[in-house]
Amino acid sequence: MWIEVKSFTRKIRLDFDDEDEHVWCMLLVPEGSTDQQVLSWASDFFEPPHVDALRAVIEAEAKE
């Protein structure tokens, strides 16, 4: 399974090693969305472990 969060200027793709390798989800977010907005929207659609993984990527990018 993979999920992708995407805007015009940003793309985050996470690959998960699980049973359903043919499933993918994409969340398109408006340009200028804050990280908190993205995580809030993601929590509406993705499972908690997937949101946690997305949060980790967003936090790592913020430190760069």
N, C-alpha and C. Protein backbone atom coordinates (compact mmCIF):
# COMPACT_ATOMS: atom_id res chain seq x y z
N MET A 1 0.84 -1.18 0.00
CA MET A 1 0.00 0.00 0.00
C MET A 1 0.88 1.24 0.00
N TRP A 2 0.44 2.26 -0.69
CA TRP A 2 1.13 3.54 -0.58
C TRP A 2 0.11 4.65 -0.49
N ILE A 3 0.53 5.72 0.18
CA ILE A 3 -0.30 6.92 0.24
C ILE A 3 0.54 8.09 -0.24
N GLU A 4 -0.15 9.07 -0.79
CA GLU A 4 0.54 10.24 -1.30
C GLU A 4 -0.26 11.48 -0.91
N VAL A 5 0.45 12.48 -0.42
CA VAL A 5 -0.13 13.78 -0.12
C VAL A 5 0.53 14.76 -1.07
N LYS A 6 -0.31 15.52 -1.77
CA LYS A 6 0.24 16.29 -2.88
C LYS A 6 -0.44 17.65 -2.99
N SER A 7 0.39 18.67 -3.28
CA SER A 7 -0.09 19.99 -3.69
C SER A 7 0.71 20.37 -4.92
N PHE A 8 0.57 21.60 -5.40
CA PHE A 8 1.33 22.00 -6.58
C PHE A 8 2.83 22.05 -6.31
N THR A 9 3.22 22.31 -5.08
CA THR A 9 4.66 22.48 -4.79
C THR A 9 5.23 21.42 -3.86
N ARG A 10 4.41 20.49 -3.42
CA ARG A 10 4.90 19.51 -2.44
C ARG A 10 4.29 18.14 -2.74
N LYS A 11 5.12 17.13 -2.53
CA LYS A 11 4.65 15.76 -2.72
C LYS A 11 5.32 14.88 -1.68
N ILE A 12 4.52 14.15 -0.94
CA ILE A 12 5.04 13.18 0.02
C ILE A 12 4.41 11.83 -0.32
N ARG A 13 5.24 10.85 -0.55
CA ARG A 13 4.75 9.50 -0.84
C ARG A 13 5.33 8.55 0.19
N LEU A 14 4.46 7.77 0.80
CA LEU A 14 4.86 6.79 1.80
C LEU A 14 4.46 5.40 1.32
N ASP A 15 5.42 4.50 1.33
CA ASP A 15 5.16 3.11 0.96
C ASP A 15 5.12 2.27 2.22
N PHE A 16 4.09 1.44 2.34
CA PHE A 16 3.93 0.58 3.50
C PHE A 16 3.98 -0.87 3.06
N ASP A 17 4.72 -1.64 3.79
CA ASP A 17 4.83 -3.06 3.52
C ASP A 17 3.71 -3.78 4.26
N ASP A 18 2.61 -3.98 3.58
CA ASP A 18 1.50 -4.69 4.21
C ASP A 18 0.86 -5.62 3.20
N GLU A 19 -0.22 -6.26 3.61
CA GLU A 19 -0.85 -7.28 2.79
C GLU A 19 -1.45 -6.73 1.49
N ASP A 20 -1.91 -5.49 1.53
CA ASP A 20 -2.64 -4.94 0.40
C ASP A 20 -1.74 -4.06 -0.46
N GLU A 21 -0.81 -4.66 -1.16
CA GLU A 21 0.19 -3.89 -1.90
C GLU A 21 -0.37 -3.21 -3.15
N HIS A 22 -1.61 -3.50 -3.52
CA HIS A 22 -2.20 -2.88 -4.71
C HIS A 22 -3.13 -1.72 -4.36
N VAL A 23 -3.16 -1.34 -3.10
CA VAL A 23 -4.01 -0.24 -2.67
C VAL A 23 -3.19 1.03 -2.58
N TRP A 24 -3.75 2.13 -3.06
CA TRP A 24 -3.08 3.41 -2.90
C TRP A 24 -4.13 4.48 -2.63
N CYS A 25 -3.73 5.49 -1.93
CA CYS A 25 -4.62 6.60 -1.59
C CYS A 25 -3.87 7.90 -1.86
N MET A 26 -4.58 8.88 -2.36
CA MET A 26 -3.97 10.18 -2.61
C MET A 26 -4.84 11.25 -1.98
N LEU A 27 -4.19 12.18 -1.28
CA LEU A 27 -4.86 13.32 -0.69
C LEU A 27 -4.30 14.57 -1.35
N LEU A 28 -5.13 15.26 -2.11
CA LEU A 28 -4.72 16.50 -2.75
C LEU A 28 -5.09 17.65 -1.82
N VAL A 29 -4.12 18.49 -1.52
CA VAL A 29 -4.35 19.59 -0.58
C VAL A 29 -4.14 20.93 -1.29
N PRO A 30 -4.85 21.96 -0.84
CA PRO A 30 -4.71 23.27 -1.47
C PRO A 30 -3.32 23.86 -1.25
N GLU A 31 -2.86 24.61 -2.22
CA GLU A 31 -1.59 25.32 -2.12
C GLU A 31 -1.64 26.23 -0.89
N GLY A 32 -0.57 26.26 -0.14
CA GLY A 32 -0.50 27.11 1.04
C GLY A 32 -1.04 26.47 2.31
N SER A 33 -1.42 25.21 2.25
CA SER A 33 -1.92 24.52 3.44
C SER A 33 -0.81 24.40 4.48
N THR A 34 -1.17 24.55 5.73
CA THR A 34 -0.19 24.37 6.79
C THR A 34 0.00 22.88 7.07
N ASP A 35 1.11 22.56 7.72
CA ASP A 35 1.35 21.16 8.09
C ASP A 35 0.24 20.64 8.99
N GLN A 36 -0.24 21.46 9.90
CA GLN A 36 -1.32 21.04 10.80
C GLN A 36 -2.61 20.75 10.04
N GLN A 37 -2.91 21.56 9.03
CA GLN A 37 -4.09 21.30 8.21
C GLN A 37 -3.95 19.98 7.47
N VAL A 38 -2.78 19.76 6.89
CA VAL A 38 -2.54 18.53 6.15
C VAL A 38 -2.72 17.31 7.07
N LEU A 39 -2.15 17.38 8.26
CA LEU A 39 -2.28 16.26 9.20
C LEU A 39 -3.73 16.06 9.65
N SER A 40 -4.44 17.14 9.82
CA SER A 40 -5.85 17.04 10.19
C SER A 40 -6.66 16.36 9.10
N TRP A 41 -6.45 16.79 7.86
CA TRP A 41 -7.17 16.16 6.75
C TRP A 41 -6.76 14.70 6.60
N ALA A 42 -5.48 14.43 6.74
CA ALA A 42 -5.00 13.05 6.62
C ALA A 42 -5.65 12.16 7.67
N SER A 43 -5.82 12.69 8.88
CA SER A 43 -6.42 11.87 9.95
C SER A 43 -7.88 11.55 9.67
N ASP A 44 -8.52 12.33 8.80
CA ASP A 44 -9.90 12.03 8.41
C ASP A 44 -9.99 10.84 7.46
N PHE A 45 -8.91 10.54 6.76
CA PHE A 45 -8.96 9.53 5.71
C PHE A 45 -8.04 8.33 5.92
N PHE A 46 -6.90 8.54 6.59
CA PHE A 46 -5.91 7.48 6.73
C PHE A 46 -5.94 6.87 8.13
N GLU A 47 -5.46 5.65 8.24
CA GLU A 47 -5.35 4.97 9.51
C GLU A 47 -4.29 5.66 10.38
N PRO A 48 -4.45 5.60 11.72
CA PRO A 48 -3.50 6.27 12.61
C PRO A 48 -2.02 5.96 12.36
N PRO A 49 -1.64 4.71 12.08
CA PRO A 49 -0.21 4.47 11.81
C PRO A 49 0.29 5.20 10.56
N HIS A 50 -0.58 5.37 9.58
CA HIS A 50 -0.20 6.07 8.36
C HIS A 50 -0.08 7.57 8.62
N VAL A 51 -0.96 8.10 9.45
CA VAL A 51 -0.87 9.52 9.82
C VAL A 51 0.41 9.76 10.62
N ASP A 52 0.75 8.83 11.52
CA ASP A 52 1.99 8.96 12.30
C ASP A 52 3.21 8.98 11.40
N ALA A 53 3.21 8.14 10.37
CA ALA A 53 4.33 8.10 9.43
C ALA A 53 4.40 9.41 8.65
N LEU A 54 3.26 9.93 8.25
CA LEU A 54 3.22 11.21 7.54
C LEU A 54 3.73 12.33 8.45
N ARG A 55 3.31 12.33 9.69
CA ARG A 55 3.76 13.33 10.66
C ARG A 55 5.28 13.29 10.80
N ALA A 56 5.85 12.11 10.85
CA ALA A 56 7.31 11.96 10.98
C ALA A 56 8.02 12.57 9.78
N VAL A 57 7.49 12.37 8.58
CA VAL A 57 8.11 12.94 7.38
C VAL A 57 7.99 14.46 7.40
N ILE A 58 6.83 14.97 7.76
CA ILE A 58 6.62 16.42 7.80
C ILE A 58 7.55 17.06 8.83
N GLU A 59 7.69 16.44 9.99
CA GLU A 59 8.58 16.98 11.03
C GLU A 59 10.04 16.94 10.58
N ALA A 60 10.44 15.87 9.89
CA ALA A 60 11.81 15.77 9.39
C ALA A 60 12.08 16.85 8.33
N GLU A 61 11.11 17.08 7.46
CA GLU A 61 11.26 18.13 6.43
C GLU A 61 11.37 19.51 7.07
N ALA A 62 10.64 19.73 8.14
CA ALA A 62 10.66 21.03 8.81
C ALA A 62 12.03 21.32 9.44
N LYS A 63 12.75 20.27 9.80
CA LYS A 63 14.08 20.43 10.41
C LYS A 63 15.16 20.72 9.38
N GLU A 64 14.87 20.46 8.11
CA GLU A 64 15.87 20.65 7.05
C GLU A 64 16.11 22.10 6.76
